């Protein structure tokens, strides 16, 4: 009898463990949810529709969405070195970029001869021209990408910096004004 109860309890625990590990967002869910630690925990989006849904879900303004002549990241989106798959704009200001290869994107940002705007990144997307929504977006899982050595050296105490996918870039939970 005791063995039966022990086996039953073990089966219930194993079943709960299998159920819990199957939950969550990540590469397998195709959505813009949070991923597992294996995929850095950053949000991911497979399509522009998913990316817009993520942005709206953070509380950021994105009621008017589509292609735009907004100049931020327009030339870069046409340059294959940046690995930008698709570009869209919310409310003629917040630029949404789906990225094919984040390492290439970061390498291009590091090599940019002109000033690269403040960029927040997920696993496979980037947002720029943030306006007042930057902190709100960061509170929802995005991280700030910087490729300037002076930015890392001047990071205020208490904020974290993690190495980026290329040597000169890093990500941080600090977003300068």
N, C-alpha and C. Protein backbone atom coordinates (compact mmCIF):
# COMPACT_ATOMS: atom_id res chain seq x y z
N UNK A 1 0.82 -1.19 0.00
CA UNK A 1 0.00 0.00 0.00
C UNK A 1 0.87 1.27 0.00
N UNK A 2 1.89 1.23 0.85
CA UNK A 2 2.78 2.38 0.93
C UNK A 2 3.51 2.60 -0.39
N UNK A 3 3.95 1.52 -1.02
CA UNK A 3 4.64 1.60 -2.31
C UNK A 3 3.73 2.19 -3.38
N UNK A 4 2.46 1.80 -3.37
CA UNK A 4 1.49 2.30 -4.34
C UNK A 4 1.32 3.81 -4.20
N UNK A 5 1.20 4.29 -2.95
CA UNK A 5 1.04 5.72 -2.71
C UNK A 5 2.29 6.48 -3.15
N UNK A 6 3.47 5.93 -2.89
CA UNK A 6 4.73 6.57 -3.28
C UNK A 6 4.84 6.65 -4.79
N UNK A 7 4.50 5.55 -5.46
CA UNK A 7 4.55 5.55 -6.93
C UNK A 7 3.54 6.52 -7.52
N UNK A 8 2.35 6.58 -6.94
CA UNK A 8 1.33 7.50 -7.43
C UNK A 8 1.78 8.95 -7.25
N UNK A 9 2.36 9.26 -6.09
CA UNK A 9 2.85 10.62 -5.85
C UNK A 9 3.97 10.96 -6.83
N UNK A 10 4.85 10.02 -7.08
CA UNK A 10 5.93 10.24 -8.04
C UNK A 10 5.40 10.47 -9.44
N UNK A 11 4.38 9.72 -9.83
CA UNK A 11 3.78 9.87 -11.16
C UNK A 11 3.14 11.25 -11.30
N UNK A 12 2.46 11.72 -10.25
CA UNK A 12 1.84 13.03 -10.28
C UNK A 12 2.91 14.12 -10.40
N UNK A 13 4.00 13.98 -9.64
CA UNK A 13 5.09 14.96 -9.69
C UNK A 13 5.74 14.99 -11.07
N UNK A 14 5.98 13.81 -11.64
CA UNK A 14 6.57 13.73 -12.97
C UNK A 14 5.65 14.35 -14.01
N UNK A 15 4.37 14.07 -13.91
CA UNK A 15 3.39 14.63 -14.84
C UNK A 15 3.37 16.16 -14.75
N UNK A 16 3.41 16.70 -13.53
CA UNK A 16 3.42 18.15 -13.35
C UNK A 16 4.69 18.75 -13.93
N UNK A 17 5.81 18.09 -13.73
CA UNK A 17 7.08 18.58 -14.26
C UNK A 17 7.06 18.62 -15.78
N UNK A 18 6.57 17.58 -16.41
CA UNK A 18 6.49 17.53 -17.87
C UNK A 18 5.55 18.61 -18.38
N UNK A 19 4.43 18.82 -17.70
CA UNK A 19 3.48 19.85 -18.11
C UNK A 19 4.09 21.23 -18.00
N UNK A 20 4.80 21.53 -16.90
CA UNK A 20 5.39 22.84 -16.71
C UNK A 20 6.51 23.13 -17.69
N UNK A 21 7.33 22.14 -18.01
CA UNK A 21 8.42 22.38 -18.94
C UNK A 21 7.92 22.57 -20.36
N UNK A 22 6.72 22.17 -20.66
CA UNK A 22 6.15 22.36 -21.99
C UNK A 22 5.56 23.73 -22.18
N UNK A 23 5.47 24.52 -21.12
CA UNK A 23 4.87 25.85 -21.20
C UNK A 23 5.91 26.89 -21.57
N UNK A 24 5.44 28.07 -21.92
CA UNK A 24 6.35 29.19 -22.14
C UNK A 24 6.44 29.55 -23.59
N UNK A 25 7.07 30.65 -23.84
CA UNK A 25 7.18 31.17 -25.17
C UNK A 25 8.49 30.82 -25.78
N UNK A 26 9.19 30.91 -26.48
CA UNK A 26 10.43 30.50 -27.06
C UNK A 26 10.27 30.34 -28.53
N UNK A 27 11.25 29.76 -29.11
CA UNK A 27 11.25 29.61 -30.56
C UNK A 27 10.12 28.73 -31.04
N UNK A 28 9.71 27.77 -30.23
CA UNK A 28 8.70 26.82 -30.67
C UNK A 28 7.29 27.36 -30.70
N UNK A 29 7.02 28.48 -30.02
CA UNK A 29 5.64 28.92 -29.97
C UNK A 29 5.27 29.86 -31.10
N UNK A 30 6.25 30.37 -31.81
CA UNK A 30 5.96 31.24 -32.95
C UNK A 30 5.40 32.59 -32.55
N UNK A 31 5.29 32.86 -31.25
CA UNK A 31 4.70 34.11 -30.80
C UNK A 31 5.75 35.07 -30.29
N UNK A 32 5.28 36.16 -29.75
CA UNK A 32 6.17 37.20 -29.27
C UNK A 32 6.36 37.12 -27.78
N UNK A 33 6.15 35.96 -27.19
CA UNK A 33 6.27 35.82 -25.74
C UNK A 33 7.70 35.67 -25.31
N UNK A 34 7.90 35.54 -24.01
CA UNK A 34 9.24 35.35 -23.45
C UNK A 34 9.73 33.97 -23.80
N UNK A 35 11.01 33.82 -23.99
CA UNK A 35 11.62 32.54 -24.30
C UNK A 35 12.24 31.91 -23.08
N UNK A 36 12.83 30.77 -23.23
CA UNK A 36 13.51 30.10 -22.14
C UNK A 36 14.92 30.64 -22.01
N UNK A 37 15.63 30.19 -20.98
CA UNK A 37 16.98 30.69 -20.80
C UNK A 37 17.88 30.27 -21.95
N UNK A 38 17.55 29.20 -22.64
CA UNK A 38 18.35 28.76 -23.78
C UNK A 38 18.29 29.76 -24.93
N UNK A 39 17.22 30.53 -25.03
CA UNK A 39 17.13 31.52 -26.11
C UNK A 39 17.16 32.93 -25.56
N UNK A 40 17.88 33.14 -24.48
CA UNK A 40 18.20 34.42 -23.86
C UNK A 40 17.05 35.09 -23.14
N UNK A 41 15.86 34.55 -23.16
CA UNK A 41 14.76 35.15 -22.42
C UNK A 41 14.17 36.39 -23.05
N UNK A 42 14.69 36.82 -24.17
CA UNK A 42 14.16 38.00 -24.83
C UNK A 42 12.92 37.65 -25.64
N UNK A 43 11.99 38.59 -25.80
CA UNK A 43 10.82 38.35 -26.64
C UNK A 43 11.23 38.07 -28.09
N UNK A 44 10.37 37.36 -28.80
CA UNK A 44 10.62 36.99 -30.19
C UNK A 44 9.34 37.19 -30.99
N UNK A 45 9.47 37.55 -32.25
CA UNK A 45 8.32 37.70 -33.14
C UNK A 45 8.67 37.13 -34.50
N UNK A 46 7.78 36.35 -35.06
CA UNK A 46 8.03 35.74 -36.37
C UNK A 46 7.55 36.60 -37.52
N UNK A 47 6.58 37.47 -37.26
CA UNK A 47 6.01 38.32 -38.31
C UNK A 47 5.85 39.74 -37.79
N UNK A 48 5.62 40.67 -38.69
CA UNK A 48 5.35 42.04 -38.30
C UNK A 48 4.07 42.14 -37.47
N UNK A 49 3.08 41.32 -37.81
CA UNK A 49 1.84 41.33 -37.03
C UNK A 49 2.11 40.94 -35.58
N UNK A 50 2.95 39.93 -35.37
CA UNK A 50 3.30 39.52 -34.00
C UNK A 50 4.09 40.61 -33.30
N UNK A 51 4.98 41.27 -34.02
CA UNK A 51 5.78 42.33 -33.44
C UNK A 51 4.88 43.51 -33.04
N UNK A 52 3.96 43.89 -33.90
CA UNK A 52 3.03 44.98 -33.57
C UNK A 52 2.20 44.59 -32.35
N UNK A 53 1.75 43.34 -32.30
CA UNK A 53 0.95 42.87 -31.16
C UNK A 53 1.77 42.95 -29.86
N UNK A 54 3.05 42.58 -29.93
CA UNK A 54 3.92 42.70 -28.75
C UNK A 54 4.00 44.15 -28.30
N UNK A 55 4.27 45.07 -29.25
CA UNK A 55 4.41 46.49 -28.92
C UNK A 55 3.14 47.02 -28.27
N UNK A 56 1.99 46.72 -28.86
CA UNK A 56 0.71 47.17 -28.31
C UNK A 56 0.50 46.57 -26.92
N UNK A 57 0.89 45.31 -26.74
CA UNK A 57 0.73 44.64 -25.45
C UNK A 57 1.56 45.25 -24.34
N UNK A 58 2.61 45.99 -24.68
CA UNK A 58 3.42 46.66 -23.67
C UNK A 58 2.78 47.96 -23.20
N UNK A 59 1.81 48.43 -23.96
CA UNK A 59 1.19 49.72 -23.67
C UNK A 59 1.75 50.84 -24.52
N UNK A 60 2.74 50.54 -25.36
CA UNK A 60 3.30 51.55 -26.26
C UNK A 60 2.28 51.86 -27.37
N UNK A 61 2.36 53.05 -27.91
CA UNK A 61 1.42 53.47 -28.94
C UNK A 61 1.78 52.88 -30.30
N UNK A 62 0.82 52.18 -30.90
CA UNK A 62 1.03 51.62 -32.23
C UNK A 62 -0.31 51.37 -32.90
N UNK A 63 -1.19 52.37 -32.89
CA UNK A 63 -2.50 52.18 -33.51
C UNK A 63 -2.47 52.41 -35.02
N UNK A 64 -1.50 53.17 -35.51
CA UNK A 64 -1.32 53.35 -36.96
C UNK A 64 -0.02 52.66 -37.33
N UNK A 65 -0.12 51.58 -38.08
CA UNK A 65 1.05 50.76 -38.39
C UNK A 65 1.14 50.50 -39.89
N UNK A 66 2.36 50.54 -40.43
CA UNK A 66 2.56 50.20 -41.83
C UNK A 66 3.89 50.71 -42.33
N UNK A 67 4.10 50.66 -43.64
CA UNK A 67 5.33 51.21 -44.22
C UNK A 67 5.31 52.72 -44.05
N UNK A 68 6.48 53.32 -44.08
CA UNK A 68 6.55 54.76 -43.87
C UNK A 68 7.84 55.32 -44.45
N UNK A 69 7.85 56.60 -44.68
CA UNK A 69 9.05 57.28 -45.12
C UNK A 69 9.83 57.86 -43.95
N UNK A 70 9.43 57.54 -42.71
CA UNK A 70 10.20 57.94 -41.53
C UNK A 70 11.64 57.56 -41.80
N UNK A 71 12.56 58.48 -41.61
CA UNK A 71 13.94 58.30 -42.03
C UNK A 71 14.75 57.35 -41.16
N UNK A 72 14.40 57.19 -39.90
CA UNK A 72 15.20 56.33 -39.02
C UNK A 72 15.27 54.90 -39.57
N UNK A 73 16.48 54.43 -39.76
CA UNK A 73 16.78 53.07 -40.19
C UNK A 73 16.22 52.73 -41.58
N UNK A 74 15.88 53.73 -42.37
CA UNK A 74 15.36 53.49 -43.71
C UNK A 74 16.47 52.98 -44.64
N UNK A 75 17.58 53.68 -44.70
CA UNK A 75 18.69 53.25 -45.55
C UNK A 75 19.25 51.92 -45.08
N UNK A 76 19.37 51.75 -43.75
CA UNK A 76 19.91 50.51 -43.21
C UNK A 76 19.02 49.32 -43.56
N UNK A 77 17.72 49.54 -43.62
CA UNK A 77 16.80 48.43 -43.94
C UNK A 77 16.97 47.96 -45.38
N UNK A 78 17.57 48.79 -46.22
CA UNK A 78 17.81 48.42 -47.62
C UNK A 78 19.18 47.80 -47.83
N UNK A 79 20.04 47.86 -46.81
CA UNK A 79 21.41 47.37 -46.90
C UNK A 79 21.48 45.94 -46.35
N UNK A 80 21.83 44.94 -47.18
CA UNK A 80 21.87 43.54 -46.74
C UNK A 80 22.81 43.29 -45.55
N UNK A 81 23.81 44.15 -45.36
CA UNK A 81 24.74 43.97 -44.24
C UNK A 81 24.04 44.06 -42.89
N UNK A 82 22.91 44.77 -42.84
CA UNK A 82 22.18 44.92 -41.59
C UNK A 82 21.27 43.73 -41.30
N UNK A 83 21.02 42.88 -42.26
CA UNK A 83 20.19 41.68 -42.10
C UNK A 83 18.77 41.99 -41.61
N UNK A 84 18.22 43.10 -42.10
CA UNK A 84 16.85 43.48 -41.75
C UNK A 84 15.90 42.84 -42.75
N UNK A 85 15.05 41.97 -42.25
CA UNK A 85 14.11 41.24 -43.10
C UNK A 85 12.92 42.12 -43.49
N UNK A 86 12.42 42.91 -42.53
CA UNK A 86 11.23 43.72 -42.80
C UNK A 86 11.23 44.92 -41.86
N UNK A 87 10.67 46.03 -42.34
CA UNK A 87 10.62 47.26 -41.57
C UNK A 87 9.21 47.81 -41.59
N UNK A 88 8.74 48.28 -40.45
CA UNK A 88 7.44 48.93 -40.34
C UNK A 88 7.53 50.07 -39.33
N UNK A 89 6.52 50.94 -39.34
CA UNK A 89 6.55 52.10 -38.46
C UNK A 89 5.19 52.24 -37.78
N UNK A 90 5.22 52.50 -36.48
CA UNK A 90 4.02 52.77 -35.70
C UNK A 90 3.87 54.27 -35.51
N UNK A 91 2.70 54.79 -35.83
CA UNK A 91 2.37 56.19 -35.58
C UNK A 91 3.43 57.16 -36.12
N UNK A 92 4.03 56.82 -37.25
CA UNK A 92 5.03 57.66 -37.91
C UNK A 92 6.23 57.98 -37.03
N UNK A 93 6.54 57.11 -36.03
CA UNK A 93 7.70 57.40 -35.20
C UNK A 93 8.44 56.17 -34.70
N UNK A 94 7.76 55.18 -34.16
CA UNK A 94 8.42 53.99 -33.61
C UNK A 94 8.72 53.02 -34.75
N UNK A 95 10.00 52.75 -34.99
CA UNK A 95 10.43 51.91 -36.11
C UNK A 95 10.60 50.47 -35.61
N UNK A 96 9.95 49.54 -36.29
CA UNK A 96 10.00 48.11 -35.96
C UNK A 96 10.79 47.40 -37.05
N UNK A 97 11.76 46.58 -36.64
CA UNK A 97 12.61 45.88 -37.58
C UNK A 97 12.64 44.40 -37.25
N UNK A 98 12.26 43.54 -38.20
CA UNK A 98 12.46 42.10 -38.05
C UNK A 98 13.85 41.79 -38.57
N UNK A 99 14.61 41.04 -37.81
CA UNK A 99 16.01 40.79 -38.12
C UNK A 99 16.21 39.32 -38.48
N UNK A 100 16.88 39.06 -39.61
CA UNK A 100 17.20 37.68 -40.00
C UNK A 100 18.36 37.12 -39.18
N UNK A 101 19.40 37.92 -38.96
CA UNK A 101 20.60 37.45 -38.27
C UNK A 101 21.05 38.55 -37.31
N UNK A 102 20.80 38.34 -36.01
CA UNK A 102 21.10 39.38 -35.02
C UNK A 102 22.60 39.67 -34.93
N UNK A 103 23.44 38.68 -35.14
CA UNK A 103 24.88 38.93 -35.11
C UNK A 103 25.28 39.88 -36.24
N UNK A 104 24.74 39.69 -37.43
CA UNK A 104 25.02 40.60 -38.55
C UNK A 104 24.49 42.00 -38.25
N UNK A 105 23.32 42.06 -37.67
CA UNK A 105 22.73 43.35 -37.31
C UNK A 105 23.64 44.10 -36.34
N UNK A 106 24.12 43.41 -35.30
CA UNK A 106 25.00 44.04 -34.33
C UNK A 106 26.34 44.43 -34.95
N UNK A 107 26.86 43.59 -35.84
CA UNK A 107 28.12 43.92 -36.51
C UNK A 107 27.96 45.19 -37.36
N UNK A 108 26.84 45.31 -38.05
CA UNK A 108 26.59 46.50 -38.86
C UNK A 108 26.44 47.73 -37.97
N UNK A 109 25.78 47.59 -36.83
CA UNK A 109 25.64 48.71 -35.89
C UNK A 109 27.00 49.14 -35.37
N UNK A 110 27.88 48.17 -35.11
CA UNK A 110 29.22 48.48 -34.61
C UNK A 110 30.06 49.19 -35.66
N UNK A 111 29.85 48.87 -36.93
CA UNK A 111 30.63 49.47 -38.03
C UNK A 111 30.02 50.75 -38.57
N UNK A 112 28.82 51.11 -38.14
CA UNK A 112 28.12 52.27 -38.70
C UNK A 112 28.95 53.53 -38.54
N UNK A 113 29.08 54.25 -39.64
CA UNK A 113 29.86 55.49 -39.64
C UNK A 113 29.04 56.66 -39.10
N UNK A 114 27.73 56.57 -39.24
CA UNK A 114 26.86 57.61 -38.71
C UNK A 114 26.33 57.15 -37.35
N UNK A 115 25.78 58.07 -36.63
CA UNK A 115 25.26 57.76 -35.31
C UNK A 115 24.06 56.81 -35.41
N UNK A 116 24.16 55.70 -34.70
CA UNK A 116 23.06 54.75 -34.67
C UNK A 116 22.12 55.18 -33.54
N UNK A 117 20.82 55.25 -33.80
CA UNK A 117 19.88 55.70 -32.77
C UNK A 117 19.78 54.69 -31.63
N UNK A 118 19.13 55.11 -30.55
CA UNK A 118 18.88 54.17 -29.46
C UNK A 118 18.10 52.99 -30.01
N UNK A 119 18.58 51.79 -29.72
CA UNK A 119 17.97 50.57 -30.25
C UNK A 119 17.67 49.63 -29.09
N UNK A 120 16.44 49.14 -29.05
CA UNK A 120 16.06 48.07 -28.13
C UNK A 120 15.93 46.81 -28.96
N UNK A 121 16.37 45.68 -28.39
CA UNK A 121 16.30 44.43 -29.15
C UNK A 121 15.57 43.33 -28.38
N UNK A 122 14.96 42.46 -29.17
CA UNK A 122 14.46 41.18 -28.72
C UNK A 122 15.37 40.13 -29.33
N UNK A 123 14.89 38.89 -29.40
CA UNK A 123 15.71 37.83 -30.00
C UNK A 123 15.96 38.08 -31.48
N UNK A 124 14.92 38.47 -32.19
CA UNK A 124 15.04 38.60 -33.64
C UNK A 124 14.37 39.86 -34.18
N UNK A 125 14.30 40.87 -33.34
CA UNK A 125 13.75 42.15 -33.80
C UNK A 125 14.42 43.29 -33.04
N UNK A 126 14.25 44.48 -33.61
CA UNK A 126 14.78 45.69 -32.99
C UNK A 126 13.75 46.79 -33.11
N UNK A 127 13.77 47.72 -32.17
CA UNK A 127 12.90 48.89 -32.18
C UNK A 127 13.77 50.12 -31.99
N UNK A 128 13.44 51.18 -32.71
CA UNK A 128 14.20 52.41 -32.56
C UNK A 128 13.28 53.61 -32.73
N UNK A 129 13.84 54.82 -32.50
CA UNK A 129 13.07 56.05 -32.47
C UNK A 129 11.96 55.91 -31.43
N UNK A 130 12.37 55.62 -30.22
CA UNK A 130 11.50 55.14 -29.16
C UNK A 130 10.57 56.18 -28.56
N UNK A 131 10.90 57.44 -28.66
CA UNK A 131 10.08 58.46 -28.03
C UNK A 131 10.01 58.20 -26.53
N UNK A 132 8.86 58.39 -25.95
CA UNK A 132 8.68 58.18 -24.52
C UNK A 132 8.40 56.74 -24.14
N UNK A 133 8.37 55.83 -25.11
CA UNK A 133 8.02 54.44 -24.84
C UNK A 133 9.21 53.55 -24.49
N UNK A 134 10.42 54.07 -24.50
CA UNK A 134 11.60 53.26 -24.28
C UNK A 134 11.59 52.49 -22.97
N UNK A 135 11.35 53.18 -21.86
CA UNK A 135 11.34 52.49 -20.56
C UNK A 135 10.22 51.48 -20.48
N UNK A 136 9.06 51.82 -21.01
CA UNK A 136 7.92 50.91 -21.02
C UNK A 136 8.25 49.63 -21.78
N UNK A 137 8.90 49.76 -22.92
CA UNK A 137 9.29 48.59 -23.72
C UNK A 137 10.34 47.75 -22.99
N UNK A 138 11.26 48.41 -22.30
CA UNK A 138 12.29 47.66 -21.56
C UNK A 138 11.67 46.91 -20.38
N UNK A 139 10.66 47.47 -19.76
CA UNK A 139 9.98 46.78 -18.67
C UNK A 139 9.28 45.52 -19.14
N UNK A 140 9.10 45.39 -20.43
CA UNK A 140 8.44 44.23 -21.01
C UNK A 140 9.41 43.28 -21.70
N UNK A 141 10.67 43.30 -21.26
CA UNK A 141 11.60 42.27 -21.67
C UNK A 141 12.64 42.63 -22.70
N UNK A 142 12.62 43.84 -23.26
CA UNK A 142 13.62 44.21 -24.25
C UNK A 142 14.88 44.72 -23.55
N UNK A 143 15.96 44.76 -24.27
CA UNK A 143 17.23 45.24 -23.74
C UNK A 143 17.82 46.26 -24.70
N UNK A 144 18.58 47.20 -24.16
CA UNK A 144 19.18 48.26 -24.97
C UNK A 144 20.49 47.75 -25.57
N UNK A 145 20.65 47.94 -26.86
CA UNK A 145 21.87 47.55 -27.56
C UNK A 145 22.75 48.79 -27.74
N UNK A 146 24.00 48.67 -27.38
CA UNK A 146 24.97 49.75 -27.60
C UNK A 146 26.26 49.15 -28.14
N UNK A 147 26.89 49.85 -29.03
CA UNK A 147 28.16 49.37 -29.59
C UNK A 147 29.28 50.39 -29.40
N UNK A 148 29.12 51.26 -28.43
CA UNK A 148 30.14 52.26 -28.15
C UNK A 148 30.87 51.96 -26.85
N UNK A 149 32.19 51.86 -26.93
CA UNK A 149 33.00 51.58 -25.73
C UNK A 149 32.76 52.64 -24.65
N UNK A 150 32.63 53.90 -25.08
CA UNK A 150 32.40 54.98 -24.10
C UNK A 150 31.06 54.80 -23.38
N UNK A 151 30.07 54.20 -24.05
CA UNK A 151 28.77 53.93 -23.41
C UNK A 151 28.93 52.92 -22.27
N UNK A 152 29.72 51.88 -22.52
CA UNK A 152 29.93 50.86 -21.50
C UNK A 152 30.71 51.44 -20.31
N UNK A 153 31.71 52.26 -20.61
CA UNK A 153 32.52 52.86 -19.55
C UNK A 153 31.73 53.84 -18.69
N UNK A 154 30.70 54.47 -19.26
CA UNK A 154 29.92 55.47 -18.52
C UNK A 154 28.60 54.92 -17.99
N UNK A 155 28.44 53.61 -17.99
CA UNK A 155 27.22 52.99 -17.47
C UNK A 155 27.09 53.29 -15.98
N UNK A 156 25.97 53.88 -15.54
CA UNK A 156 25.80 54.19 -14.12
C UNK A 156 25.81 52.92 -13.25
N UNK A 157 26.21 53.07 -12.01
CA UNK A 157 26.27 51.93 -11.11
C UNK A 157 24.88 51.33 -10.91
N UNK A 158 24.84 50.03 -10.73
CA UNK A 158 23.58 49.33 -10.50
C UNK A 158 22.95 48.77 -11.76
N UNK A 159 23.41 49.20 -12.92
CA UNK A 159 22.88 48.69 -14.18
C UNK A 159 23.81 47.58 -14.68
N UNK A 160 23.25 46.65 -15.43
CA UNK A 160 24.04 45.52 -15.91
C UNK A 160 24.40 45.69 -17.38
N UNK A 161 25.49 45.06 -17.77
CA UNK A 161 25.92 45.03 -19.16
C UNK A 161 26.32 43.59 -19.48
N UNK A 162 25.83 43.09 -20.60
CA UNK A 162 26.18 41.75 -21.06
C UNK A 162 26.80 41.88 -22.44
N UNK A 163 27.80 41.05 -22.70
CA UNK A 163 28.44 41.08 -24.02
C UNK A 163 27.41 40.80 -25.10
N UNK A 164 27.54 41.54 -26.19
CA UNK A 164 26.67 41.33 -27.35
C UNK A 164 27.16 40.16 -28.18
N UNK A 165 26.60 40.03 -29.36
CA UNK A 165 26.97 38.94 -30.26
C UNK A 165 28.23 39.26 -31.06
N UNK A 166 28.66 40.50 -31.05
CA UNK A 166 29.93 40.90 -31.65
C UNK A 166 30.74 41.63 -30.58
N UNK A 167 32.04 41.61 -30.74
CA UNK A 167 32.96 42.08 -29.70
C UNK A 167 32.67 43.49 -29.18
N UNK A 168 32.39 44.43 -30.04
CA UNK A 168 32.25 45.81 -29.59
C UNK A 168 30.86 46.18 -29.08
N UNK A 169 29.90 45.29 -29.15
CA UNK A 169 28.54 45.60 -28.72
C UNK A 169 28.23 44.97 -27.36
N UNK A 170 27.28 45.56 -26.66
CA UNK A 170 26.80 44.99 -25.41
C UNK A 170 25.32 45.35 -25.25
N UNK A 171 24.65 44.62 -24.40
CA UNK A 171 23.26 44.93 -24.08
C UNK A 171 23.20 45.31 -22.61
N UNK A 172 22.23 46.16 -22.29
CA UNK A 172 22.13 46.66 -20.93
C UNK A 172 20.68 46.95 -20.56
N UNK A 173 20.44 47.01 -19.27
CA UNK A 173 19.12 47.39 -18.77
C UNK A 173 19.04 48.90 -18.52
N UNK A 174 20.04 49.63 -18.96
CA UNK A 174 20.07 51.09 -18.84
C UNK A 174 19.75 51.72 -20.20
N UNK A 175 18.83 52.66 -20.19
CA UNK A 175 18.47 53.37 -21.42
C UNK A 175 18.69 54.86 -21.18
N UNK A 176 19.74 55.43 -21.79
CA UNK A 176 20.00 56.86 -21.59
C UNK A 176 18.89 57.71 -22.20
N UNK A 177 18.78 58.93 -21.70
CA UNK A 177 17.76 59.86 -22.23
C UNK A 177 18.02 60.20 -23.66
